[in-house]
N, C-alpha and C. Protein backbone atom coordinates (compact mmCIF):
# COMPACT_ATOMS: atom_id res chain seq x y z
N UNK A 1 -4.44 -6.61 -14.08
CA UNK A 1 -4.98 -5.62 -14.99
C UNK A 1 -4.02 -5.49 -16.15
N UNK A 2 -4.54 -5.54 -17.35
CA UNK A 2 -3.71 -5.35 -18.53
C UNK A 2 -4.12 -4.05 -19.20
N UNK A 3 -3.17 -3.15 -19.30
CA UNK A 3 -3.43 -1.85 -19.90
C UNK A 3 -2.13 -1.38 -20.55
N UNK A 4 -1.65 -2.16 -21.52
CA UNK A 4 -0.39 -1.83 -22.15
C UNK A 4 0.75 -1.91 -21.15
N UNK A 5 1.27 -0.77 -20.76
CA UNK A 5 2.40 -0.72 -19.84
C UNK A 5 1.96 -0.87 -18.38
N UNK A 6 0.68 -0.98 -18.13
CA UNK A 6 0.21 -1.03 -16.74
C UNK A 6 -0.32 -2.41 -16.37
N UNK A 7 0.46 -3.43 -16.65
CA UNK A 7 0.06 -4.78 -16.27
C UNK A 7 0.56 -5.06 -14.86
N UNK A 8 -0.31 -5.58 -14.02
CA UNK A 8 0.06 -5.89 -12.64
C UNK A 8 -0.66 -7.15 -12.20
N UNK A 9 -0.02 -7.85 -11.28
CA UNK A 9 -0.65 -9.01 -10.65
C UNK A 9 -0.29 -8.94 -9.18
N UNK A 10 -1.30 -9.12 -8.33
CA UNK A 10 -1.09 -9.19 -6.89
C UNK A 10 -1.39 -10.62 -6.45
N UNK A 11 -0.45 -11.21 -5.73
CA UNK A 11 -0.69 -12.51 -5.11
C UNK A 11 -0.76 -12.29 -3.61
N UNK A 12 -1.78 -12.84 -2.99
CA UNK A 12 -1.99 -12.66 -1.55
C UNK A 12 -2.13 -14.01 -0.87
N UNK A 13 -1.87 -14.00 0.41
CA UNK A 13 -2.03 -15.20 1.21
C UNK A 13 -2.16 -14.83 2.67
N UNK A 14 -2.66 -15.76 3.45
CA UNK A 14 -2.82 -15.56 4.89
C UNK A 14 -2.55 -16.89 5.55
N UNK A 15 -1.49 -16.94 6.37
CA UNK A 15 -1.12 -18.18 7.05
C UNK A 15 -0.81 -17.85 8.50
N UNK A 16 -1.41 -18.59 9.42
CA UNK A 16 -1.23 -18.30 10.83
C UNK A 16 -1.76 -16.92 11.13
N UNK A 17 -0.91 -16.05 11.60
CA UNK A 17 -1.31 -14.66 11.88
C UNK A 17 -0.61 -13.68 10.94
N UNK A 18 -0.10 -14.18 9.80
CA UNK A 18 0.64 -13.34 8.87
C UNK A 18 -0.03 -13.31 7.51
N UNK A 19 -0.16 -12.10 6.98
CA UNK A 19 -0.70 -11.91 5.62
C UNK A 19 0.46 -11.56 4.70
N UNK A 20 0.36 -12.02 3.46
CA UNK A 20 1.41 -11.81 2.47
C UNK A 20 0.83 -11.16 1.22
N UNK A 21 1.59 -10.23 0.66
CA UNK A 21 1.25 -9.61 -0.62
C UNK A 21 2.51 -9.56 -1.45
N UNK A 22 2.45 -10.13 -2.66
CA UNK A 22 3.54 -10.05 -3.62
C UNK A 22 3.04 -9.25 -4.81
N UNK A 23 3.86 -8.31 -5.26
CA UNK A 23 3.48 -7.41 -6.35
C UNK A 23 4.31 -7.74 -7.58
N UNK A 24 3.62 -7.92 -8.71
CA UNK A 24 4.27 -8.17 -9.98
C UNK A 24 3.81 -7.10 -10.96
N UNK A 25 4.66 -6.13 -11.26
CA UNK A 25 4.31 -5.03 -12.15
C UNK A 25 4.19 -3.73 -11.38
N UNK A 26 3.49 -2.77 -11.99
CA UNK A 26 3.37 -1.43 -11.41
C UNK A 26 2.08 -1.30 -10.58
N UNK A 27 2.26 -0.99 -9.32
CA UNK A 27 1.14 -0.85 -8.38
C UNK A 27 0.73 0.61 -8.32
N UNK A 28 -0.54 0.89 -8.66
CA UNK A 28 -0.98 2.28 -8.66
C UNK A 28 -2.49 2.39 -8.49
N UNK A 29 -2.99 3.63 -8.58
CA UNK A 29 -4.41 3.91 -8.35
C UNK A 29 -5.32 3.17 -9.33
N UNK A 30 -4.79 2.75 -10.46
CA UNK A 30 -5.60 2.05 -11.46
C UNK A 30 -5.87 0.61 -11.09
N UNK A 31 -5.18 0.09 -10.06
CA UNK A 31 -5.31 -1.34 -9.79
C UNK A 31 -5.25 -1.73 -8.31
N UNK A 32 -5.30 -0.77 -7.38
CA UNK A 32 -5.02 -1.11 -5.98
C UNK A 32 -6.23 -1.12 -5.04
N UNK A 33 -7.42 -0.94 -5.56
CA UNK A 33 -8.59 -0.85 -4.67
C UNK A 33 -8.77 -2.08 -3.79
N UNK A 34 -8.57 -3.25 -4.33
CA UNK A 34 -8.81 -4.49 -3.58
C UNK A 34 -7.74 -4.78 -2.54
N UNK A 35 -6.58 -4.11 -2.63
CA UNK A 35 -5.51 -4.31 -1.65
C UNK A 35 -5.99 -3.89 -0.26
N UNK A 36 -6.58 -2.72 -0.16
CA UNK A 36 -7.09 -2.25 1.13
C UNK A 36 -8.16 -3.17 1.68
N UNK A 37 -9.03 -3.69 0.82
CA UNK A 37 -10.07 -4.63 1.24
C UNK A 37 -9.44 -5.91 1.81
N UNK A 38 -8.40 -6.41 1.13
CA UNK A 38 -7.71 -7.61 1.59
C UNK A 38 -7.11 -7.37 2.99
N UNK A 39 -6.41 -6.25 3.15
CA UNK A 39 -5.79 -5.97 4.45
C UNK A 39 -6.85 -5.83 5.54
N UNK A 40 -7.95 -5.17 5.26
CA UNK A 40 -9.02 -5.04 6.26
C UNK A 40 -9.57 -6.40 6.67
N UNK A 41 -9.75 -7.30 5.70
CA UNK A 41 -10.27 -8.65 6.00
C UNK A 41 -9.31 -9.43 6.90
N UNK A 42 -8.01 -9.41 6.55
CA UNK A 42 -7.09 -10.22 7.34
C UNK A 42 -6.86 -9.64 8.73
N UNK A 43 -6.90 -8.32 8.84
CA UNK A 43 -6.77 -7.71 10.17
C UNK A 43 -7.97 -8.10 11.04
N UNK A 44 -9.16 -8.11 10.43
CA UNK A 44 -10.36 -8.52 11.16
C UNK A 44 -10.29 -10.00 11.59
N UNK A 45 -9.53 -10.81 10.84
CA UNK A 45 -9.38 -12.24 11.16
C UNK A 45 -8.28 -12.50 12.17
N UNK A 46 -7.63 -11.44 12.66
CA UNK A 46 -6.60 -11.63 13.67
C UNK A 46 -5.17 -11.54 13.17
N UNK A 47 -4.97 -10.98 12.02
CA UNK A 47 -3.63 -10.81 11.47
C UNK A 47 -2.77 -9.98 12.43
N UNK A 48 -1.54 -10.45 12.68
CA UNK A 48 -0.60 -9.74 13.55
C UNK A 48 0.61 -9.23 12.77
N UNK A 49 0.78 -9.68 11.52
CA UNK A 49 1.92 -9.25 10.71
C UNK A 49 1.52 -9.23 9.23
N UNK A 50 1.99 -8.22 8.54
CA UNK A 50 1.81 -8.13 7.10
C UNK A 50 3.19 -8.01 6.48
N UNK A 51 3.44 -8.84 5.44
CA UNK A 51 4.69 -8.81 4.71
C UNK A 51 4.38 -8.56 3.24
N UNK A 52 5.04 -7.54 2.68
CA UNK A 52 4.85 -7.18 1.29
C UNK A 52 6.16 -7.43 0.55
N UNK A 53 6.11 -8.22 -0.51
CA UNK A 53 7.29 -8.53 -1.31
C UNK A 53 7.28 -7.67 -2.57
N UNK A 54 8.30 -6.83 -2.70
CA UNK A 54 8.40 -5.92 -3.86
C UNK A 54 9.47 -6.34 -4.85
N UNK A 55 9.94 -7.59 -4.78
CA UNK A 55 11.03 -8.01 -5.66
C UNK A 55 10.67 -7.93 -7.14
N UNK A 56 9.38 -8.03 -7.48
CA UNK A 56 8.95 -7.95 -8.88
C UNK A 56 8.09 -6.72 -9.15
N UNK A 57 8.14 -5.75 -8.24
CA UNK A 57 7.35 -4.51 -8.39
C UNK A 57 8.17 -3.52 -9.23
N UNK A 58 7.58 -3.08 -10.33
CA UNK A 58 8.28 -2.17 -11.24
C UNK A 58 7.99 -0.70 -10.97
N UNK A 59 7.12 -0.41 -10.01
CA UNK A 59 6.82 0.97 -9.66
C UNK A 59 5.60 1.03 -8.77
N UNK A 60 5.45 2.17 -8.09
CA UNK A 60 4.30 2.36 -7.21
C UNK A 60 4.01 3.85 -7.11
N UNK A 61 2.74 4.18 -6.98
CA UNK A 61 2.36 5.59 -6.85
C UNK A 61 1.89 5.89 -5.44
N UNK A 62 1.55 7.16 -5.21
CA UNK A 62 1.18 7.59 -3.87
C UNK A 62 -0.13 6.96 -3.39
N UNK A 63 -1.05 6.68 -4.28
CA UNK A 63 -2.31 6.05 -3.85
C UNK A 63 -2.03 4.64 -3.33
N UNK A 64 -1.24 3.88 -4.06
CA UNK A 64 -0.89 2.53 -3.60
C UNK A 64 -0.15 2.60 -2.27
N UNK A 65 0.83 3.50 -2.17
CA UNK A 65 1.59 3.62 -0.93
C UNK A 65 0.72 4.10 0.22
N UNK A 66 -0.25 4.95 -0.06
CA UNK A 66 -1.19 5.38 0.97
C UNK A 66 -2.07 4.24 1.45
N UNK A 67 -2.38 3.32 0.55
CA UNK A 67 -3.14 2.12 0.92
C UNK A 67 -2.31 1.25 1.87
N UNK A 68 -1.02 1.09 1.54
CA UNK A 68 -0.13 0.35 2.44
C UNK A 68 -0.01 1.07 3.79
N UNK A 69 0.12 2.39 3.74
CA UNK A 69 0.24 3.17 4.98
C UNK A 69 -0.99 3.00 5.86
N UNK A 70 -2.17 2.97 5.26
CA UNK A 70 -3.40 2.78 6.03
C UNK A 70 -3.38 1.45 6.76
N UNK A 71 -2.95 0.39 6.08
CA UNK A 71 -2.88 -0.93 6.72
C UNK A 71 -1.80 -0.93 7.81
N UNK A 72 -0.68 -0.28 7.54
CA UNK A 72 0.40 -0.22 8.54
C UNK A 72 -0.05 0.53 9.79
N UNK A 73 -0.81 1.61 9.61
CA UNK A 73 -1.32 2.36 10.75
C UNK A 73 -2.30 1.51 11.58
N UNK A 74 -3.14 0.73 10.89
CA UNK A 74 -4.05 -0.17 11.60
C UNK A 74 -3.27 -1.23 12.37
N UNK A 75 -2.21 -1.74 11.76
CA UNK A 75 -1.39 -2.76 12.43
C UNK A 75 -0.73 -2.18 13.68
N UNK A 76 -0.26 -0.95 13.61
CA UNK A 76 0.35 -0.31 14.78
C UNK A 76 -0.64 -0.21 15.93
N UNK A 77 -1.90 0.12 15.61
CA UNK A 77 -2.92 0.27 16.65
C UNK A 77 -3.16 -1.03 17.40
N UNK A 78 -3.01 -2.16 16.71
CA UNK A 78 -3.27 -3.45 17.36
C UNK A 78 -1.98 -4.12 17.83
N UNK A 79 -0.86 -3.42 17.70
CA UNK A 79 0.42 -3.98 18.14
C UNK A 79 1.04 -4.94 17.15
N UNK A 80 0.59 -4.90 15.92
CA UNK A 80 1.12 -5.79 14.88
C UNK A 80 2.29 -5.15 14.14
N UNK A 81 2.79 -5.86 13.15
CA UNK A 81 3.93 -5.36 12.37
C UNK A 81 3.60 -5.33 10.89
N UNK A 82 4.30 -4.46 10.18
CA UNK A 82 4.14 -4.32 8.73
C UNK A 82 5.54 -4.22 8.15
N UNK A 83 5.85 -5.07 7.20
CA UNK A 83 7.19 -5.16 6.64
C UNK A 83 7.14 -5.12 5.12
N UNK A 84 8.02 -4.35 4.52
CA UNK A 84 8.16 -4.32 3.06
C UNK A 84 9.53 -4.88 2.73
N UNK A 85 9.55 -5.99 1.98
CA UNK A 85 10.78 -6.68 1.63
C UNK A 85 11.19 -6.39 0.18
N UNK A 86 12.49 -6.53 -0.07
CA UNK A 86 13.04 -6.43 -1.42
C UNK A 86 12.74 -5.08 -2.05
N UNK A 87 12.89 -4.03 -1.29
CA UNK A 87 12.61 -2.68 -1.76
C UNK A 87 13.92 -2.04 -2.20
N UNK A 88 14.02 -1.75 -3.49
CA UNK A 88 15.26 -1.20 -4.06
C UNK A 88 14.94 -0.09 -5.05
N UNK A 89 15.97 0.63 -5.46
CA UNK A 89 15.88 1.62 -6.53
C UNK A 89 14.86 2.71 -6.26
N UNK A 90 14.12 3.05 -7.29
CA UNK A 90 13.13 4.12 -7.22
C UNK A 90 12.04 3.81 -6.19
N UNK A 91 11.68 2.55 -6.06
CA UNK A 91 10.66 2.18 -5.07
C UNK A 91 11.13 2.50 -3.66
N UNK A 92 12.38 2.18 -3.36
CA UNK A 92 12.94 2.50 -2.05
C UNK A 92 13.00 4.02 -1.86
N UNK A 93 13.38 4.72 -2.89
CA UNK A 93 13.48 6.19 -2.82
C UNK A 93 12.13 6.83 -2.50
N UNK A 94 11.07 6.40 -3.18
CA UNK A 94 9.76 7.02 -2.94
C UNK A 94 9.24 6.67 -1.55
N UNK A 95 9.46 5.44 -1.09
CA UNK A 95 9.03 5.05 0.26
C UNK A 95 9.78 5.88 1.30
N UNK A 96 11.09 6.07 1.09
CA UNK A 96 11.88 6.91 2.00
C UNK A 96 11.40 8.36 1.97
N UNK A 97 11.16 8.90 0.76
CA UNK A 97 10.73 10.29 0.63
C UNK A 97 9.39 10.56 1.31
N UNK A 98 8.55 9.55 1.39
CA UNK A 98 7.25 9.72 2.04
C UNK A 98 7.28 9.38 3.52
N UNK A 99 8.44 9.04 4.05
CA UNK A 99 8.60 8.80 5.48
C UNK A 99 7.92 7.53 5.98
N UNK A 100 7.68 6.58 5.10
CA UNK A 100 6.97 5.37 5.53
C UNK A 100 7.81 4.50 6.46
N UNK A 101 9.13 4.73 6.47
CA UNK A 101 9.98 4.00 7.39
C UNK A 101 9.63 4.26 8.85
N UNK A 102 8.85 5.31 9.10
CA UNK A 102 8.41 5.61 10.47
C UNK A 102 7.35 4.63 10.96
N UNK A 103 6.65 3.98 10.01
CA UNK A 103 5.55 3.09 10.41
C UNK A 103 5.69 1.66 9.91
N UNK A 104 6.66 1.40 9.03
CA UNK A 104 6.88 0.05 8.52
C UNK A 104 8.36 -0.30 8.63
N UNK A 105 8.64 -1.58 8.66
CA UNK A 105 10.01 -2.05 8.59
C UNK A 105 10.35 -2.22 7.12
N UNK A 106 11.44 -1.60 6.68
CA UNK A 106 11.84 -1.64 5.28
C UNK A 106 13.09 -2.50 5.14
N UNK A 107 13.00 -3.49 4.29
CA UNK A 107 14.13 -4.35 3.98
C UNK A 107 14.54 -4.09 2.53
N UNK A 108 15.59 -3.31 2.34
CA UNK A 108 16.07 -3.07 0.98
C UNK A 108 17.00 -4.20 0.59
N UNK A 109 17.25 -4.30 -0.66
CA UNK A 109 18.11 -5.37 -1.14
C UNK A 109 17.37 -6.69 -1.20
N UNK A 110 18.10 -7.74 -1.35
CA UNK A 110 17.50 -9.05 -1.59
C UNK A 110 17.29 -9.81 -0.29
N UNK A 111 16.24 -9.46 0.43
CA UNK A 111 15.90 -10.25 1.62
C UNK A 111 14.80 -11.22 1.21
N UNK A 112 14.81 -12.37 1.81
CA UNK A 112 13.83 -13.39 1.45
C UNK A 112 12.58 -13.26 2.30
N UNK A 113 11.43 -13.23 1.65
CA UNK A 113 10.17 -13.33 2.39
C UNK A 113 9.99 -14.80 2.72
N UNK A 114 9.55 -15.10 3.92
CA UNK A 114 9.42 -16.50 4.31
C UNK A 114 8.34 -17.22 3.51
N UNK A 115 7.35 -16.51 3.09
CA UNK A 115 6.27 -17.05 2.26
C UNK A 115 5.83 -15.95 1.33
N UNK A 116 5.17 -16.34 0.27
CA UNK A 116 4.59 -15.32 -0.59
C UNK A 116 3.13 -15.68 -0.81
N UNK A 117 2.41 -14.72 -1.28
CA UNK A 117 1.01 -14.97 -1.56
C UNK A 117 0.86 -15.96 -2.69
N UNK A 118 -0.26 -16.68 -2.69
CA UNK A 118 -0.49 -17.67 -3.75
C UNK A 118 -1.84 -17.48 -4.45
N UNK A 119 -2.72 -16.68 -3.88
CA UNK A 119 -4.02 -16.42 -4.49
C UNK A 119 -3.97 -15.09 -5.22
N UNK A 120 -4.40 -15.09 -6.49
CA UNK A 120 -4.42 -13.85 -7.27
C UNK A 120 -5.56 -12.96 -6.77
N UNK A 121 -5.25 -11.71 -6.57
CA UNK A 121 -6.24 -10.74 -6.13
C UNK A 121 -6.72 -9.95 -7.34
N UNK A 122 -8.01 -9.77 -7.45
CA UNK A 122 -8.59 -9.00 -8.53
C UNK A 122 -8.07 -7.56 -8.47
N UNK A 123 -7.84 -6.97 -9.63
CA UNK A 123 -7.41 -5.58 -9.66
C UNK A 123 -8.58 -4.69 -10.06
N UNK A 124 -8.62 -3.54 -9.43
CA UNK A 124 -9.70 -2.58 -9.69
C UNK A 124 -9.18 -1.19 -9.34
N UNK A 125 -9.60 -0.20 -10.11
CA UNK A 125 -9.17 1.18 -9.87
C UNK A 125 -9.76 1.71 -8.57
N UNK A 126 -8.97 2.49 -7.87
CA UNK A 126 -9.45 3.15 -6.66
C UNK A 126 -10.44 4.24 -7.04
N UNK A 127 -11.46 4.43 -6.22
CA UNK A 127 -12.40 5.52 -6.45
C UNK A 127 -11.88 6.78 -5.75
N UNK A 128 -12.57 7.89 -5.93
CA UNK A 128 -12.11 9.17 -5.37
C UNK A 128 -11.96 9.11 -3.85
N UNK A 129 -12.89 8.45 -3.17
CA UNK A 129 -12.80 8.33 -1.71
C UNK A 129 -11.58 7.51 -1.32
N UNK A 130 -11.32 6.44 -2.04
CA UNK A 130 -10.14 5.61 -1.77
C UNK A 130 -8.85 6.38 -1.98
N UNK A 131 -8.80 7.18 -3.04
CA UNK A 131 -7.61 8.00 -3.31
C UNK A 131 -7.44 9.04 -2.21
N UNK A 132 -8.53 9.67 -1.80
CA UNK A 132 -8.49 10.65 -0.71
C UNK A 132 -7.99 10.01 0.58
N UNK A 133 -8.57 8.88 0.94
CA UNK A 133 -8.15 8.18 2.16
C UNK A 133 -6.68 7.79 2.11
N UNK A 134 -6.22 7.31 0.95
CA UNK A 134 -4.82 6.92 0.80
C UNK A 134 -3.89 8.09 1.07
N UNK A 135 -4.23 9.26 0.54
CA UNK A 135 -3.37 10.43 0.74
C UNK A 135 -3.45 10.95 2.18
N UNK A 136 -4.60 10.83 2.79
CA UNK A 136 -4.70 11.18 4.21
C UNK A 136 -3.86 10.23 5.06
N UNK A 137 -3.79 8.96 4.67
CA UNK A 137 -2.96 7.99 5.37
C UNK A 137 -1.48 8.38 5.29
N UNK A 138 -1.07 8.88 4.13
CA UNK A 138 0.33 9.32 3.98
C UNK A 138 0.65 10.48 4.91
N UNK A 139 -0.31 11.38 5.08
CA UNK A 139 -0.13 12.52 6.00
C UNK A 139 -0.11 12.02 7.44
N UNK A 140 -0.97 11.05 7.76
CA UNK A 140 -0.98 10.49 9.11
C UNK A 140 0.33 9.76 9.42
N UNK A 141 0.93 9.16 8.40
CA UNK A 141 2.19 8.45 8.58
C UNK A 141 3.35 9.41 8.80
N UNK A 142 3.32 10.56 8.12
CA UNK A 142 4.39 11.56 8.23
C UNK A 142 3.78 12.92 7.91
N UNK A 143 3.68 13.78 8.91
CA UNK A 143 3.01 15.08 8.73
C UNK A 143 3.66 15.95 7.66
N UNK A 144 4.93 15.71 7.33
CA UNK A 144 5.56 16.50 6.28
C UNK A 144 4.96 16.21 4.90
N UNK A 145 4.20 15.13 4.78
CA UNK A 145 3.54 14.81 3.52
C UNK A 145 2.36 15.74 3.23
N UNK A 146 1.90 16.48 4.24
CA UNK A 146 0.78 17.38 4.02
C UNK A 146 1.09 18.38 2.91
N UNK A 147 2.27 18.95 2.94
CA UNK A 147 2.65 19.92 1.90
C UNK A 147 2.67 19.28 0.52
N UNK A 148 3.10 18.04 0.45
CA UNK A 148 3.19 17.33 -0.84
C UNK A 148 1.82 17.04 -1.42
N UNK A 149 0.84 16.78 -0.55
CA UNK A 149 -0.46 16.31 -1.03
C UNK A 149 -1.62 17.23 -0.68
N UNK A 150 -1.34 18.41 -0.18
CA UNK A 150 -2.39 19.35 0.23
C UNK A 150 -3.37 19.63 -0.90
N UNK A 151 -2.86 19.89 -2.10
CA UNK A 151 -3.75 20.20 -3.23
C UNK A 151 -4.60 19.00 -3.64
N UNK A 152 -4.01 17.82 -3.65
CA UNK A 152 -4.75 16.60 -4.00
C UNK A 152 -5.87 16.38 -2.98
N UNK A 153 -5.54 16.48 -1.71
CA UNK A 153 -6.53 16.27 -0.65
C UNK A 153 -7.64 17.31 -0.73
N UNK A 154 -7.27 18.58 -0.90
CA UNK A 154 -8.28 19.64 -0.99
C UNK A 154 -9.21 19.42 -2.18
N UNK A 155 -8.64 19.08 -3.32
CA UNK A 155 -9.45 18.84 -4.52
C UNK A 155 -10.41 17.67 -4.30
N UNK A 156 -9.91 16.57 -3.76
CA UNK A 156 -10.76 15.40 -3.57
C UNK A 156 -11.82 15.63 -2.49
N UNK A 157 -11.48 16.41 -1.46
CA UNK A 157 -12.50 16.74 -0.45
C UNK A 157 -13.60 17.60 -1.04
N UNK A 158 -13.23 18.58 -1.87
CA UNK A 158 -14.24 19.41 -2.54
C UNK A 158 -15.09 18.56 -3.47
N UNK A 159 -14.46 17.68 -4.19
CA UNK A 159 -15.17 16.81 -5.12
C UNK A 159 -16.14 15.90 -4.36
N UNK A 160 -15.70 15.36 -3.23
CA UNK A 160 -16.55 14.46 -2.43
C UNK A 160 -17.75 15.18 -1.83
N UNK A 161 -17.59 16.49 -1.55
CA UNK A 161 -18.69 17.24 -0.95
C UNK A 161 -19.55 17.94 -2.00
N UNK A 162 -19.34 17.60 -3.26
CA UNK A 162 -20.15 18.19 -4.32
C UNK A 162 -19.66 19.55 -4.75
N UNK A 163 -18.39 19.88 -4.48
CA UNK A 163 -17.83 21.13 -4.94
C UNK A 163 -18.14 22.34 -4.09
N UNK A 164 -18.65 22.12 -2.89
CA UNK A 164 -19.00 23.24 -2.02
C UNK A 164 -17.79 23.90 -1.42
């Protein structure tokens, strides 16, 4: 997606029982809808491990991280693993602040991913339901996130139900 400062490219791959996602640019609600679809497809195909390479990721928001959390929670249910590599700086700080280390393996610093994705994934903005689900995933990953996202979740639930 090209939007001035919001250019991003996702490369994905699936080899053996491992799925790969490499992020180039800023990952956020404006471009992460297809990430959840990719993870759902590979999990349905028998994926046992997901590796995310953040070495070229310039930033990430809560919707993107909630999408990762949703996939990590699914992987836990099937006994699989979810790993985030090359997580440093502000990206590491936000992942730590949201408690995602409880459900994913975090490799800060320069760790090598054994493979990276090679197929470009289309970028598309998340819809309101996707944003709501992402934030609910963050709460499921760490209950202390409820206070952080209570207003967002309440607003999106009201919006989804027609404002009732």
